[in-house]
Amino acid sequence: MTTVPQSGAFDDLLGEFSPSCLVADAHPEISTLGGWQLVDRSHRIAGRALTIDVPTDSVVDVVPVLSLAQPGDVVVIACHGATELAMWGGLMTTLASMAGVVGTVVDGSIRDVDELRALGWPAWYRQTSPSRCPPAPPGVDPLTWMNVPVRIGAVTIRPGDYLVADENGVSIVPPKLAGTVAERVSQLLATEAAIRERIAGGVRLEQLVAEFGGV
C-alpha cells in the first residue's frame, strides 16, 4: 500500500535535474503543460494547487484568493485566452509570500516582472501586460471562482492537485496518484544513477539497452 505524500512531499525532487520530467515519466496518467515564460529559468517549485477560474467577460483583481491560501500552495489562474490585463504583479507577490504561497502559474498575463525577479518569485506565465486588473465591481465576488477545477489547454487542474514545475513546464499529479508517483520517481532516480555509473565505466550503448531496456 502506497503512502500519500503531504503537501511538501515533492520538495525533495527540487534538487534533482528536471523534476517535472521525472514526475511526468513516473505514471502515464500525469498531465503536463509546457510553453511557459518564466521570471527566472532556474526557478522550480512543488506544491498544491489553489485554483482560480477567471471568466473572460469579468477579468478583475483576484487578490481575495489570498484569504484562502495555505503555506505550500501554488496559485493557478486560468484566464482562457484573456491577456490584455495582468492577473499578477508585485503587490500580489508580496502578499502571497507572506501567506506562504510558493509560486504562481498564470495562463494569461503578469506585470512587474522586474520586481518579481528582485523578490525571487517563481512564476510561470504566457505574456506580460503593463495594464492592471480593476477591482471587482459591486455584485461580483471573485471568491466564487476559486478552489474550483480549471481548464488550461487540454488539461484540468483541480484544487489540491500536486504541481511540480521547472523550466521544462508543469506536471500535475492527482492526489490519488501521489504516493505511486513518489515511489516510482525514487525508482527512476536509482535507475538513472545506475545507467550513469555504467556509462562512466565505459559500457556500450547496446549493453545499456539490453540491461535497462533503453536510456
N, C-alpha and C. Protein backbone atom coordinates (compact mmCIF):
# COMPACT_ATOMS: atom_id res chain seq x y z
N MET A 1 0.85 -1.19 0.00
CA MET A 1 0.00 0.00 0.00
C MET A 1 0.89 1.24 0.00
N THR A 2 0.61 2.17 -0.91
CA THR A 2 1.43 3.36 -1.01
C THR A 2 0.98 4.41 0.00
N THR A 3 1.92 5.26 0.39
CA THR A 3 1.63 6.34 1.32
C THR A 3 1.47 7.64 0.54
N VAL A 4 0.36 8.33 0.77
CA VAL A 4 0.13 9.59 0.06
C VAL A 4 0.97 10.67 0.69
N PRO A 5 1.78 11.39 -0.11
CA PRO A 5 2.63 12.44 0.45
C PRO A 5 1.80 13.61 0.98
N GLN A 6 2.39 14.33 1.92
CA GLN A 6 1.80 15.58 2.37
C GLN A 6 2.20 16.69 1.41
N SER A 7 1.76 17.91 1.72
CA SER A 7 1.87 18.99 0.75
C SER A 7 3.30 19.25 0.28
N GLY A 8 4.30 19.08 1.14
CA GLY A 8 5.67 19.37 0.72
C GLY A 8 6.45 18.14 0.31
N ALA A 9 5.77 17.03 0.07
CA ALA A 9 6.47 15.77 -0.14
C ALA A 9 7.29 15.74 -1.41
N PHE A 10 6.92 16.50 -2.43
CA PHE A 10 7.69 16.51 -3.67
C PHE A 10 8.83 17.52 -3.63
N ASP A 11 8.98 18.22 -2.50
CA ASP A 11 10.07 19.19 -2.39
C ASP A 11 11.43 18.54 -2.57
N ASP A 12 11.57 17.30 -2.16
CA ASP A 12 12.86 16.61 -2.27
C ASP A 12 13.33 16.49 -3.72
N LEU A 13 12.40 16.53 -4.65
CA LEU A 13 12.76 16.41 -6.06
C LEU A 13 13.41 17.68 -6.61
N LEU A 14 13.23 18.79 -5.91
CA LEU A 14 13.67 20.07 -6.47
C LEU A 14 15.18 20.19 -6.56
N GLY A 15 15.90 19.30 -5.89
CA GLY A 15 17.34 19.27 -6.01
C GLY A 15 17.84 18.38 -7.14
N GLU A 16 16.92 17.71 -7.82
CA GLU A 16 17.29 16.82 -8.93
C GLU A 16 17.20 17.58 -10.25
N PHE A 17 17.83 17.05 -11.29
CA PHE A 17 17.66 17.61 -12.61
C PHE A 17 16.22 17.40 -13.08
N SER A 18 15.62 18.43 -13.66
CA SER A 18 14.33 18.34 -14.35
C SER A 18 13.26 17.60 -13.55
N PRO A 19 12.90 18.10 -12.37
CA PRO A 19 11.91 17.39 -11.56
C PRO A 19 10.55 17.21 -12.25
N SER A 20 10.14 18.17 -13.07
CA SER A 20 8.85 17.99 -13.76
C SER A 20 8.90 16.82 -14.72
N CYS A 21 10.07 16.58 -15.32
CA CYS A 21 10.22 15.45 -16.23
C CYS A 21 10.20 14.13 -15.48
N LEU A 22 10.84 14.09 -14.32
CA LEU A 22 10.80 12.87 -13.51
C LEU A 22 9.37 12.50 -13.15
N VAL A 23 8.58 13.51 -12.76
CA VAL A 23 7.19 13.25 -12.40
C VAL A 23 6.40 12.80 -13.63
N ALA A 24 6.62 13.46 -14.76
CA ALA A 24 5.90 13.09 -15.99
C ALA A 24 6.21 11.66 -16.41
N ASP A 25 7.44 11.21 -16.17
CA ASP A 25 7.85 9.85 -16.56
C ASP A 25 7.32 8.78 -15.60
N ALA A 26 6.85 9.22 -14.44
CA ALA A 26 6.54 8.27 -13.38
C ALA A 26 5.21 7.55 -13.56
N HIS A 27 4.30 8.12 -14.36
CA HIS A 27 2.98 7.49 -14.48
C HIS A 27 2.31 7.99 -15.76
N PRO A 28 1.67 7.11 -16.52
CA PRO A 28 1.05 7.52 -17.80
C PRO A 28 -0.12 8.49 -17.64
N GLU A 29 -0.68 8.61 -16.43
CA GLU A 29 -1.82 9.50 -16.24
C GLU A 29 -1.43 10.89 -15.76
N ILE A 30 -0.14 11.17 -15.68
CA ILE A 30 0.29 12.51 -15.28
C ILE A 30 0.08 13.48 -16.43
N SER A 31 -0.60 14.59 -16.17
CA SER A 31 -0.79 15.63 -17.18
C SER A 31 0.34 16.65 -17.08
N THR A 32 0.67 17.25 -18.23
CA THR A 32 1.74 18.24 -18.25
C THR A 32 1.33 19.44 -19.10
N LEU A 33 1.94 20.58 -18.80
CA LEU A 33 1.72 21.81 -19.55
C LEU A 33 3.06 22.47 -19.83
N GLY A 34 3.32 22.78 -21.09
CA GLY A 34 4.56 23.43 -21.47
C GLY A 34 4.32 24.76 -22.15
N GLY A 35 5.39 25.36 -22.66
CA GLY A 35 5.29 26.60 -23.41
C GLY A 35 5.21 27.85 -22.55
N TRP A 36 5.70 27.79 -21.31
CA TRP A 36 5.60 28.93 -20.39
C TRP A 36 6.77 29.89 -20.53
N GLN A 37 6.53 31.14 -20.15
CA GLN A 37 7.62 32.05 -19.83
C GLN A 37 7.87 31.97 -18.32
N LEU A 38 9.12 32.21 -17.92
CA LEU A 38 9.49 32.19 -16.51
C LEU A 38 10.18 33.49 -16.14
N VAL A 39 9.96 33.92 -14.92
CA VAL A 39 10.69 35.07 -14.41
C VAL A 39 12.18 34.75 -14.33
N ASP A 40 12.51 33.54 -13.92
CA ASP A 40 13.89 33.08 -13.82
C ASP A 40 13.88 31.59 -14.16
N ARG A 41 14.65 31.20 -15.16
CA ARG A 41 14.59 29.82 -15.64
C ARG A 41 15.17 28.83 -14.63
N SER A 42 15.83 29.32 -13.62
CA SER A 42 16.34 28.41 -12.59
C SER A 42 15.29 28.07 -11.54
N HIS A 43 14.15 28.76 -11.58
CA HIS A 43 13.13 28.51 -10.56
C HIS A 43 12.49 27.13 -10.73
N ARG A 44 12.16 26.52 -9.61
CA ARG A 44 11.45 25.24 -9.60
C ARG A 44 10.65 25.18 -8.30
N ILE A 45 9.45 24.66 -8.37
CA ILE A 45 8.58 24.62 -7.20
C ILE A 45 7.82 23.31 -7.16
N ALA A 46 7.34 22.99 -5.96
CA ALA A 46 6.41 21.88 -5.76
C ALA A 46 5.40 22.33 -4.72
N GLY A 47 4.14 22.09 -4.97
CA GLY A 47 3.11 22.48 -4.02
C GLY A 47 1.75 22.04 -4.49
N ARG A 48 0.72 22.43 -3.75
CA ARG A 48 -0.64 22.05 -4.08
C ARG A 48 -1.38 23.22 -4.70
N ALA A 49 -2.24 22.91 -5.67
CA ALA A 49 -2.90 23.93 -6.46
C ALA A 49 -4.01 24.62 -5.68
N LEU A 50 -3.96 25.96 -5.68
CA LEU A 50 -5.06 26.81 -5.26
C LEU A 50 -5.54 27.50 -6.53
N THR A 51 -6.71 27.13 -7.03
CA THR A 51 -7.12 27.47 -8.39
C THR A 51 -8.07 28.67 -8.44
N ILE A 52 -7.98 29.38 -9.58
CA ILE A 52 -8.89 30.49 -9.88
C ILE A 52 -9.32 30.36 -11.33
N ASP A 53 -10.62 30.33 -11.57
CA ASP A 53 -11.17 30.24 -12.93
C ASP A 53 -11.78 31.59 -13.29
N VAL A 54 -11.03 32.41 -14.04
CA VAL A 54 -11.43 33.78 -14.31
C VAL A 54 -12.32 33.84 -15.55
N PRO A 55 -13.56 34.33 -15.43
CA PRO A 55 -14.41 34.48 -16.63
C PRO A 55 -13.82 35.52 -17.58
N THR A 56 -13.86 35.24 -18.86
CA THR A 56 -13.28 36.16 -19.83
C THR A 56 -14.03 37.48 -19.91
N ASP A 57 -15.28 37.51 -19.46
CA ASP A 57 -16.05 38.76 -19.51
C ASP A 57 -16.02 39.50 -18.17
N SER A 58 -15.19 39.04 -17.22
CA SER A 58 -15.12 39.70 -15.92
C SER A 58 -13.73 39.54 -15.34
N VAL A 59 -12.73 40.07 -16.04
CA VAL A 59 -11.35 39.95 -15.61
C VAL A 59 -11.07 41.05 -14.58
N VAL A 60 -11.02 40.67 -13.31
CA VAL A 60 -10.81 41.63 -12.23
C VAL A 60 -9.73 41.14 -11.28
N ASP A 61 -9.34 42.00 -10.37
CA ASP A 61 -8.32 41.68 -9.39
C ASP A 61 -8.73 40.45 -8.57
N VAL A 62 -7.80 39.49 -8.44
CA VAL A 62 -8.12 38.26 -7.72
C VAL A 62 -7.41 38.17 -6.38
N VAL A 63 -7.04 39.32 -5.81
CA VAL A 63 -6.35 39.32 -4.52
C VAL A 63 -7.13 38.59 -3.42
N PRO A 64 -8.50 38.52 -3.47
CA PRO A 64 -9.20 37.77 -2.41
C PRO A 64 -8.77 36.31 -2.27
N VAL A 65 -8.14 35.74 -3.32
CA VAL A 65 -7.72 34.34 -3.22
C VAL A 65 -6.76 34.13 -2.07
N LEU A 66 -6.03 35.16 -1.72
CA LEU A 66 -5.02 35.00 -0.68
C LEU A 66 -5.64 34.76 0.69
N SER A 67 -6.93 35.06 0.83
CA SER A 67 -7.60 34.72 2.09
C SER A 67 -7.79 33.22 2.24
N LEU A 68 -7.67 32.48 1.14
CA LEU A 68 -7.82 31.03 1.16
C LEU A 68 -6.48 30.30 1.17
N ALA A 69 -5.40 31.05 1.01
CA ALA A 69 -4.09 30.42 0.80
C ALA A 69 -3.57 29.76 2.06
N GLN A 70 -2.91 28.61 1.85
CA GLN A 70 -2.22 27.88 2.89
C GLN A 70 -0.74 27.78 2.54
N PRO A 71 0.13 27.70 3.53
CA PRO A 71 1.56 27.53 3.22
C PRO A 71 1.79 26.33 2.31
N GLY A 72 2.59 26.55 1.27
CA GLY A 72 2.88 25.49 0.31
C GLY A 72 1.98 25.50 -0.91
N ASP A 73 0.99 26.40 -0.95
CA ASP A 73 0.10 26.47 -2.12
C ASP A 73 0.80 27.06 -3.33
N VAL A 74 0.34 26.66 -4.50
CA VAL A 74 0.70 27.29 -5.77
C VAL A 74 -0.58 27.88 -6.35
N VAL A 75 -0.62 29.17 -6.56
CA VAL A 75 -1.80 29.81 -7.12
C VAL A 75 -1.82 29.57 -8.63
N VAL A 76 -2.92 28.99 -9.12
CA VAL A 76 -3.09 28.68 -10.54
C VAL A 76 -4.26 29.51 -11.07
N ILE A 77 -3.99 30.36 -12.05
CA ILE A 77 -5.01 31.25 -12.59
C ILE A 77 -5.26 30.91 -14.05
N ALA A 78 -6.48 30.46 -14.35
CA ALA A 78 -6.88 30.15 -15.73
C ALA A 78 -7.62 31.36 -16.29
N CYS A 79 -7.07 31.93 -17.37
CA CYS A 79 -7.62 33.17 -17.94
C CYS A 79 -8.33 32.94 -19.28
N HIS A 80 -8.25 31.74 -19.84
CA HIS A 80 -9.00 31.38 -21.04
C HIS A 80 -8.74 32.34 -22.21
N GLY A 81 -7.48 32.66 -22.40
CA GLY A 81 -7.11 33.49 -23.55
C GLY A 81 -7.14 34.98 -23.30
N ALA A 82 -7.59 35.42 -22.14
CA ALA A 82 -7.62 36.85 -21.83
C ALA A 82 -6.23 37.28 -21.37
N THR A 83 -5.56 38.13 -22.17
CA THR A 83 -4.19 38.51 -21.86
C THR A 83 -3.98 40.02 -21.83
N GLU A 84 -5.02 40.82 -22.03
CA GLU A 84 -4.83 42.27 -22.08
C GLU A 84 -4.53 42.85 -20.71
N LEU A 85 -5.06 42.24 -19.65
CA LEU A 85 -4.86 42.74 -18.30
C LEU A 85 -4.01 41.75 -17.51
N ALA A 86 -3.11 42.29 -16.69
CA ALA A 86 -2.23 41.44 -15.90
C ALA A 86 -2.97 40.92 -14.67
N MET A 87 -2.88 39.62 -14.44
CA MET A 87 -3.55 38.97 -13.32
C MET A 87 -2.65 38.85 -12.09
N TRP A 88 -1.39 39.20 -12.23
CA TRP A 88 -0.45 39.05 -11.12
C TRP A 88 0.62 40.11 -11.23
N GLY A 89 1.09 40.63 -10.07
CA GLY A 89 2.12 41.65 -10.08
C GLY A 89 2.88 41.69 -8.77
N GLY A 90 3.57 42.79 -8.54
CA GLY A 90 4.47 42.91 -7.40
C GLY A 90 3.78 42.87 -6.06
N LEU A 91 2.68 43.62 -5.90
CA LEU A 91 2.00 43.64 -4.61
C LEU A 91 1.38 42.29 -4.28
N MET A 92 0.78 41.64 -5.29
CA MET A 92 0.24 40.29 -5.08
C MET A 92 1.34 39.34 -4.64
N THR A 93 2.52 39.48 -5.23
CA THR A 93 3.63 38.62 -4.87
C THR A 93 4.02 38.80 -3.41
N THR A 94 4.12 40.04 -2.98
CA THR A 94 4.48 40.30 -1.59
C THR A 94 3.46 39.71 -0.63
N LEU A 95 2.18 39.91 -0.93
CA LEU A 95 1.12 39.37 -0.08
C LEU A 95 1.11 37.84 -0.10
N ALA A 96 1.31 37.26 -1.29
CA ALA A 96 1.32 35.81 -1.41
C ALA A 96 2.47 35.19 -0.63
N SER A 97 3.63 35.83 -0.70
CA SER A 97 4.79 35.34 0.03
C SER A 97 4.53 35.35 1.53
N MET A 98 3.86 36.38 2.02
CA MET A 98 3.52 36.46 3.44
C MET A 98 2.55 35.35 3.84
N ALA A 99 1.72 34.90 2.90
CA ALA A 99 0.75 33.84 3.18
C ALA A 99 1.35 32.45 3.04
N GLY A 100 2.61 32.35 2.61
CA GLY A 100 3.25 31.05 2.46
C GLY A 100 3.09 30.41 1.10
N VAL A 101 2.50 31.13 0.14
CA VAL A 101 2.39 30.62 -1.23
C VAL A 101 3.80 30.50 -1.82
N VAL A 102 4.03 29.46 -2.62
CA VAL A 102 5.39 29.20 -3.12
C VAL A 102 5.59 29.59 -4.57
N GLY A 103 4.53 29.95 -5.29
CA GLY A 103 4.68 30.34 -6.69
C GLY A 103 3.34 30.49 -7.36
N THR A 104 3.37 30.94 -8.62
CA THR A 104 2.14 31.14 -9.37
C THR A 104 2.28 30.59 -10.79
N VAL A 105 1.17 30.06 -11.28
CA VAL A 105 1.04 29.62 -12.67
C VAL A 105 -0.12 30.41 -13.25
N VAL A 106 0.17 31.29 -14.22
CA VAL A 106 -0.84 32.20 -14.76
C VAL A 106 -0.99 31.94 -16.25
N ASP A 107 -2.11 31.36 -16.64
CA ASP A 107 -2.38 31.13 -18.06
C ASP A 107 -2.97 32.41 -18.64
N GLY A 108 -2.15 33.45 -18.60
CA GLY A 108 -2.54 34.80 -19.03
C GLY A 108 -1.34 35.71 -18.83
N SER A 109 -1.60 36.96 -18.46
CA SER A 109 -0.53 37.95 -18.34
C SER A 109 -0.20 38.29 -16.90
N ILE A 110 1.08 38.68 -16.69
CA ILE A 110 1.51 39.24 -15.42
C ILE A 110 2.20 40.58 -15.72
N ARG A 111 2.53 41.29 -14.65
CA ARG A 111 3.29 42.52 -14.81
C ARG A 111 4.30 42.64 -13.67
N ASP A 112 5.04 43.76 -13.63
CA ASP A 112 6.08 43.97 -12.60
C ASP A 112 7.11 42.85 -12.60
N VAL A 113 7.47 42.40 -13.78
CA VAL A 113 8.38 41.25 -13.88
C VAL A 113 9.72 41.55 -13.21
N ASP A 114 10.21 42.79 -13.34
CA ASP A 114 11.48 43.13 -12.70
C ASP A 114 11.38 43.04 -11.18
N GLU A 115 10.22 43.45 -10.63
CA GLU A 115 10.03 43.36 -9.18
C GLU A 115 9.94 41.89 -8.74
N LEU A 116 9.21 41.07 -9.51
CA LEU A 116 9.13 39.64 -9.19
C LEU A 116 10.52 39.02 -9.21
N ARG A 117 11.34 39.42 -10.18
CA ARG A 117 12.69 38.88 -10.27
C ARG A 117 13.51 39.29 -9.06
N ALA A 118 13.38 40.55 -8.65
CA ALA A 118 14.12 41.03 -7.48
C ALA A 118 13.68 40.32 -6.21
N LEU A 119 12.40 39.96 -6.15
CA LEU A 119 11.87 39.24 -4.99
C LEU A 119 12.16 37.74 -5.04
N GLY A 120 12.68 37.27 -6.18
CA GLY A 120 12.95 35.84 -6.33
C GLY A 120 11.70 35.01 -6.42
N TRP A 121 10.64 35.59 -7.03
CA TRP A 121 9.34 34.92 -7.04
C TRP A 121 9.20 33.99 -8.24
N PRO A 122 8.90 32.71 -8.03
CA PRO A 122 8.70 31.79 -9.15
C PRO A 122 7.33 32.00 -9.79
N ALA A 123 7.34 32.31 -11.07
CA ALA A 123 6.07 32.50 -11.81
C ALA A 123 6.20 31.90 -13.20
N TRP A 124 5.17 31.17 -13.60
CA TRP A 124 5.03 30.63 -14.94
C TRP A 124 3.87 31.38 -15.57
N TYR A 125 4.06 31.95 -16.77
CA TYR A 125 3.04 32.82 -17.35
C TYR A 125 3.15 32.79 -18.87
N ARG A 126 2.10 33.31 -19.53
CA ARG A 126 2.06 33.30 -21.00
C ARG A 126 2.57 34.60 -21.62
N GLN A 127 2.18 35.73 -21.04
CA GLN A 127 2.54 37.03 -21.61
C GLN A 127 2.72 38.04 -20.48
N THR A 128 3.16 39.25 -20.88
CA THR A 128 3.20 40.36 -19.95
C THR A 128 2.27 41.47 -20.45
N SER A 129 1.80 42.28 -19.50
CA SER A 129 1.00 43.45 -19.83
C SER A 129 1.19 44.48 -18.72
N PRO A 130 1.41 45.74 -19.08
CA PRO A 130 1.53 46.77 -18.05
C PRO A 130 0.20 47.10 -17.38
N SER A 131 -0.92 46.71 -17.99
CA SER A 131 -2.24 47.11 -17.50
C SER A 131 -2.71 46.21 -16.37
N ARG A 132 -3.12 46.81 -15.26
CA ARG A 132 -3.58 46.04 -14.12
C ARG A 132 -5.08 45.76 -14.22
N CYS A 133 -5.51 44.75 -13.51
CA CYS A 133 -6.94 44.43 -13.45
C CYS A 133 -7.64 45.40 -12.49
N PRO A 134 -8.87 45.78 -12.80
CA PRO A 134 -9.61 46.64 -11.88
C PRO A 134 -10.16 45.82 -10.71
N PRO A 135 -10.54 46.49 -9.62
CA PRO A 135 -11.22 45.77 -8.54
C PRO A 135 -12.55 45.21 -9.03
N ALA A 136 -13.03 44.20 -8.34
CA ALA A 136 -14.33 43.62 -8.71
C ALA A 136 -15.44 44.64 -8.47
N PRO A 137 -16.35 44.82 -9.43
CA PRO A 137 -17.47 45.75 -9.25
C PRO A 137 -18.49 45.18 -8.27
N PRO A 138 -19.41 46.00 -7.78
CA PRO A 138 -20.45 45.51 -6.89
C PRO A 138 -21.22 44.34 -7.53
N GLY A 139 -21.46 43.32 -6.74
CA GLY A 139 -22.20 42.16 -7.23
C GLY A 139 -21.33 41.07 -7.80
N VAL A 140 -20.02 41.33 -7.95
CA VAL A 140 -19.10 40.31 -8.47
C VAL A 140 -18.21 39.85 -7.32
N ASP A 141 -18.26 38.57 -6.99
CA ASP A 141 -17.46 38.02 -5.90
C ASP A 141 -16.44 37.04 -6.47
N PRO A 142 -15.18 37.47 -6.62
CA PRO A 142 -14.17 36.57 -7.19
C PRO A 142 -13.98 35.28 -6.41
N LEU A 143 -14.37 35.25 -5.13
CA LEU A 143 -14.20 34.02 -4.36
C LEU A 143 -15.01 32.86 -4.94
N THR A 144 -16.07 33.18 -5.68
CA THR A 144 -16.87 32.10 -6.28
C THR A 144 -16.13 31.42 -7.42
N TRP A 145 -15.05 32.02 -7.91
CA TRP A 145 -14.27 31.42 -8.99
C TRP A 145 -13.10 30.59 -8.46
N MET A 146 -12.96 30.54 -7.15
CA MET A 146 -11.74 30.00 -6.55
C MET A 146 -11.97 28.63 -5.92
N ASN A 147 -10.90 27.84 -5.92
CA ASN A 147 -10.96 26.47 -5.43
C ASN A 147 -11.98 25.65 -6.20
N VAL A 148 -11.94 25.81 -7.53
CA VAL A 148 -12.78 25.04 -8.44
C VAL A 148 -11.87 24.44 -9.51
N PRO A 149 -12.29 23.35 -10.19
CA PRO A 149 -11.47 22.84 -11.29
C PRO A 149 -11.30 23.89 -12.38
N VAL A 150 -10.09 23.97 -12.94
CA VAL A 150 -9.82 24.92 -14.02
C VAL A 150 -9.25 24.15 -15.21
N ARG A 151 -9.49 24.71 -16.36
CA ARG A 151 -9.04 24.09 -17.61
C ARG A 151 -7.98 24.98 -18.25
N ILE A 152 -6.81 24.42 -18.51
CA ILE A 152 -5.75 25.12 -19.24
C ILE A 152 -5.36 24.24 -20.41
N GLY A 153 -5.65 24.71 -21.62
CA GLY A 153 -5.46 23.85 -22.78
C GLY A 153 -6.34 22.63 -22.66
N ALA A 154 -5.74 21.47 -22.80
CA ALA A 154 -6.50 20.21 -22.70
C ALA A 154 -6.43 19.60 -21.31
N VAL A 155 -5.86 20.35 -20.35
CA VAL A 155 -5.58 19.79 -19.02
C VAL A 155 -6.49 20.43 -17.97
N THR A 156 -7.05 19.60 -17.11
CA THR A 156 -7.84 20.07 -15.98
C THR A 156 -6.98 19.99 -14.72
N ILE A 157 -6.93 21.10 -13.98
CA ILE A 157 -6.24 21.15 -12.70
C ILE A 157 -7.29 21.35 -11.62
N ARG A 158 -7.25 20.49 -10.62
CA ARG A 158 -8.24 20.56 -9.54
C ARG A 158 -7.59 21.07 -8.27
N PRO A 159 -8.37 21.72 -7.40
CA PRO A 159 -7.81 22.17 -6.13
C PRO A 159 -7.18 21.00 -5.38
N GLY A 160 -5.98 21.22 -4.89
CA GLY A 160 -5.29 20.17 -4.15
C GLY A 160 -4.43 19.26 -4.98
N ASP A 161 -4.50 19.35 -6.33
CA ASP A 161 -3.55 18.61 -7.15
C ASP A 161 -2.14 19.05 -6.82
N TYR A 162 -1.20 18.12 -6.90
CA TYR A 162 0.21 18.46 -6.70
C TYR A 162 0.79 18.99 -8.01
N LEU A 163 1.52 20.09 -7.94
CA LEU A 163 2.20 20.64 -9.10
C LEU A 163 3.71 20.58 -8.87
N VAL A 164 4.43 20.15 -9.88
CA VAL A 164 5.88 20.22 -9.88
C VAL A 164 6.28 20.96 -11.14
N ALA A 165 6.95 22.10 -10.98
CA ALA A 165 7.22 22.98 -12.12
C ALA A 165 8.69 23.39 -12.15
N ASP A 166 9.22 23.46 -13.36
CA ASP A 166 10.57 23.95 -13.59
C ASP A 166 10.62 24.54 -14.99
N GLU A 167 11.81 24.76 -15.54
CA GLU A 167 11.90 25.41 -16.84
C GLU A 167 11.37 24.53 -17.98
N ASN A 168 11.16 23.25 -17.74
CA ASN A 168 10.58 22.37 -18.75
C ASN A 168 9.07 22.51 -18.85
N GLY A 169 8.43 22.91 -17.74
CA GLY A 169 6.98 23.02 -17.73
C GLY A 169 6.41 22.63 -16.38
N VAL A 170 5.13 22.30 -16.39
CA VAL A 170 4.40 21.99 -15.16
C VAL A 170 3.81 20.59 -15.28
N SER A 171 4.07 19.74 -14.28
CA SER A 171 3.46 18.42 -14.20
C SER A 171 2.43 18.42 -13.09
N ILE A 172 1.29 17.79 -13.35
CA ILE A 172 0.16 17.81 -12.42
C ILE A 172 -0.11 16.40 -11.93
N VAL A 173 -0.10 16.22 -10.61
CA VAL A 173 -0.28 14.91 -10.01
C VAL A 173 -1.57 14.90 -9.19
N PRO A 174 -2.59 14.13 -9.60
CA PRO A 174 -3.77 14.00 -8.74
C PRO A 174 -3.40 13.37 -7.41
N PRO A 175 -4.03 13.78 -6.32
CA PRO A 175 -3.68 13.23 -5.00
C PRO A 175 -3.72 11.70 -4.95
N LYS A 176 -4.66 11.09 -5.68
CA LYS A 176 -4.77 9.62 -5.62
C LYS A 176 -3.54 8.92 -6.20
N LEU A 177 -2.76 9.64 -7.03
CA LEU A 177 -1.57 9.04 -7.63
C LEU A 177 -0.28 9.48 -6.94
N ALA A 178 -0.39 10.36 -5.97
CA ALA A 178 0.81 10.99 -5.42
C ALA A 178 1.76 9.96 -4.80
N GLY A 179 1.25 9.03 -4.03
CA GLY A 179 2.11 8.03 -3.42
C GLY A 179 2.80 7.16 -4.45
N THR A 180 2.03 6.72 -5.45
CA THR A 180 2.59 5.89 -6.52
C THR A 180 3.67 6.64 -7.28
N VAL A 181 3.40 7.91 -7.59
CA VAL A 181 4.37 8.72 -8.34
C VAL A 181 5.64 8.92 -7.52
N ALA A 182 5.51 9.21 -6.24
CA ALA A 182 6.69 9.41 -5.40
C ALA A 182 7.57 8.16 -5.37
N GLU A 183 6.95 6.99 -5.25
CA GLU A 183 7.71 5.75 -5.22
C GLU A 183 8.36 5.47 -6.57
N ARG A 184 7.61 5.72 -7.64
CA ARG A 184 8.15 5.47 -8.98
C ARG A 184 9.30 6.42 -9.30
N VAL A 185 9.20 7.67 -8.86
CA VAL A 185 10.29 8.61 -9.09
C VAL A 185 11.57 8.14 -8.39
N SER A 186 11.43 7.61 -7.18
CA SER A 186 12.61 7.07 -6.47
C SER A 186 13.26 5.96 -7.27
N GLN A 187 12.42 5.11 -7.88
CA GLN A 187 12.95 4.02 -8.71
C GLN A 187 13.65 4.57 -9.95
N LEU A 188 13.04 5.58 -10.57
CA LEU A 188 13.64 6.18 -11.77
C LEU A 188 15.00 6.79 -11.46
N LEU A 189 15.09 7.48 -10.32
CA LEU A 189 16.36 8.09 -9.94
C LEU A 189 17.44 7.02 -9.72
N ALA A 190 17.05 5.93 -9.09
CA ALA A 190 18.01 4.84 -8.87
C ALA A 190 18.47 4.24 -10.20
N THR A 191 17.52 4.08 -11.12
CA THR A 191 17.87 3.52 -12.43
C THR A 191 18.79 4.47 -13.19
N GLU A 192 18.49 5.76 -13.17
CA GLU A 192 19.32 6.73 -13.87
C GLU A 192 20.73 6.77 -13.28
N ALA A 193 20.83 6.65 -11.95
CA ALA A 193 22.15 6.63 -11.31
C ALA A 193 22.94 5.41 -11.76
N ALA A 194 22.25 4.27 -11.87
CA ALA A 194 22.92 3.05 -12.33
C ALA A 194 23.38 3.18 -13.77
N ILE A 195 22.55 3.80 -14.62
CA ILE A 195 22.93 3.99 -16.02
C ILE A 195 24.15 4.90 -16.13
N ARG A 196 24.15 5.99 -15.37
CA ARG A 196 25.30 6.91 -15.41
C ARG A 196 26.57 6.21 -14.94
N GLU A 197 26.43 5.35 -13.94
CA GLU A 197 27.59 4.61 -13.45
C GLU A 197 28.12 3.68 -14.53
N ARG A 198 27.21 3.01 -15.26
CA ARG A 198 27.64 2.12 -16.34
C ARG A 198 28.32 2.92 -17.45
N ILE A 199 27.76 4.09 -17.78
CA ILE A 199 28.35 4.93 -18.83
C ILE A 199 29.77 5.35 -18.42
N ALA A 200 29.91 5.79 -17.16
CA ALA A 200 31.23 6.20 -16.68
C ALA A 200 32.22 5.05 -16.72
N GLY A 201 31.70 3.83 -16.60
CA GLY A 201 32.57 2.64 -16.64
C GLY A 201 32.86 2.15 -18.05
N GLY A 202 32.33 2.85 -19.04
CA GLY A 202 32.64 2.51 -20.42
C GLY A 202 31.71 1.49 -21.06
N VAL A 203 30.54 1.25 -20.47
CA VAL A 203 29.60 0.29 -21.05
C VAL A 203 29.07 0.83 -22.37
N ARG A 204 28.94 -0.04 -23.35
CA ARG A 204 28.47 0.37 -24.67
C ARG A 204 26.94 0.50 -24.67
N LEU A 205 26.44 1.25 -25.66
CA LEU A 205 25.01 1.54 -25.74
C LEU A 205 24.18 0.26 -25.82
N GLU A 206 24.60 -0.69 -26.64
CA GLU A 206 23.82 -1.91 -26.79
C GLU A 206 23.72 -2.69 -25.48
N GLN A 207 24.74 -2.59 -24.64
CA GLN A 207 24.71 -3.24 -23.34
C GLN A 207 23.69 -2.55 -22.42
N LEU A 208 23.69 -1.22 -22.50
CA LEU A 208 22.72 -0.46 -21.68
C LEU A 208 21.30 -0.80 -22.07
N VAL A 209 21.05 -0.87 -23.38
CA VAL A 209 19.70 -1.19 -23.88
C VAL A 209 19.31 -2.59 -23.42
N ALA A 210 20.24 -3.53 -23.49
CA ALA A 210 19.94 -4.90 -23.08
C ALA A 210 19.64 -4.98 -21.58
N GLU A 211 20.36 -4.18 -20.79
CA GLU A 211 20.18 -4.25 -19.34
C GLU A 211 18.99 -3.45 -18.84
N PHE A 212 18.77 -2.27 -19.44
CA PHE A 212 17.74 -1.37 -18.91
C PHE A 212 16.55 -1.20 -19.85
N GLY A 213 16.63 -1.74 -21.05
CA GLY A 213 15.52 -1.60 -21.98
C GLY A 213 15.46 -0.26 -22.67
N GLY A 214 16.50 0.54 -22.54
CA GLY A 214 16.54 1.87 -23.16
C GLY A 214 17.27 2.83 -22.23
N VAL A 215 17.56 4.03 -22.74
CA VAL A 215 18.24 5.04 -21.92
C VAL A 215 17.58 6.39 -22.18
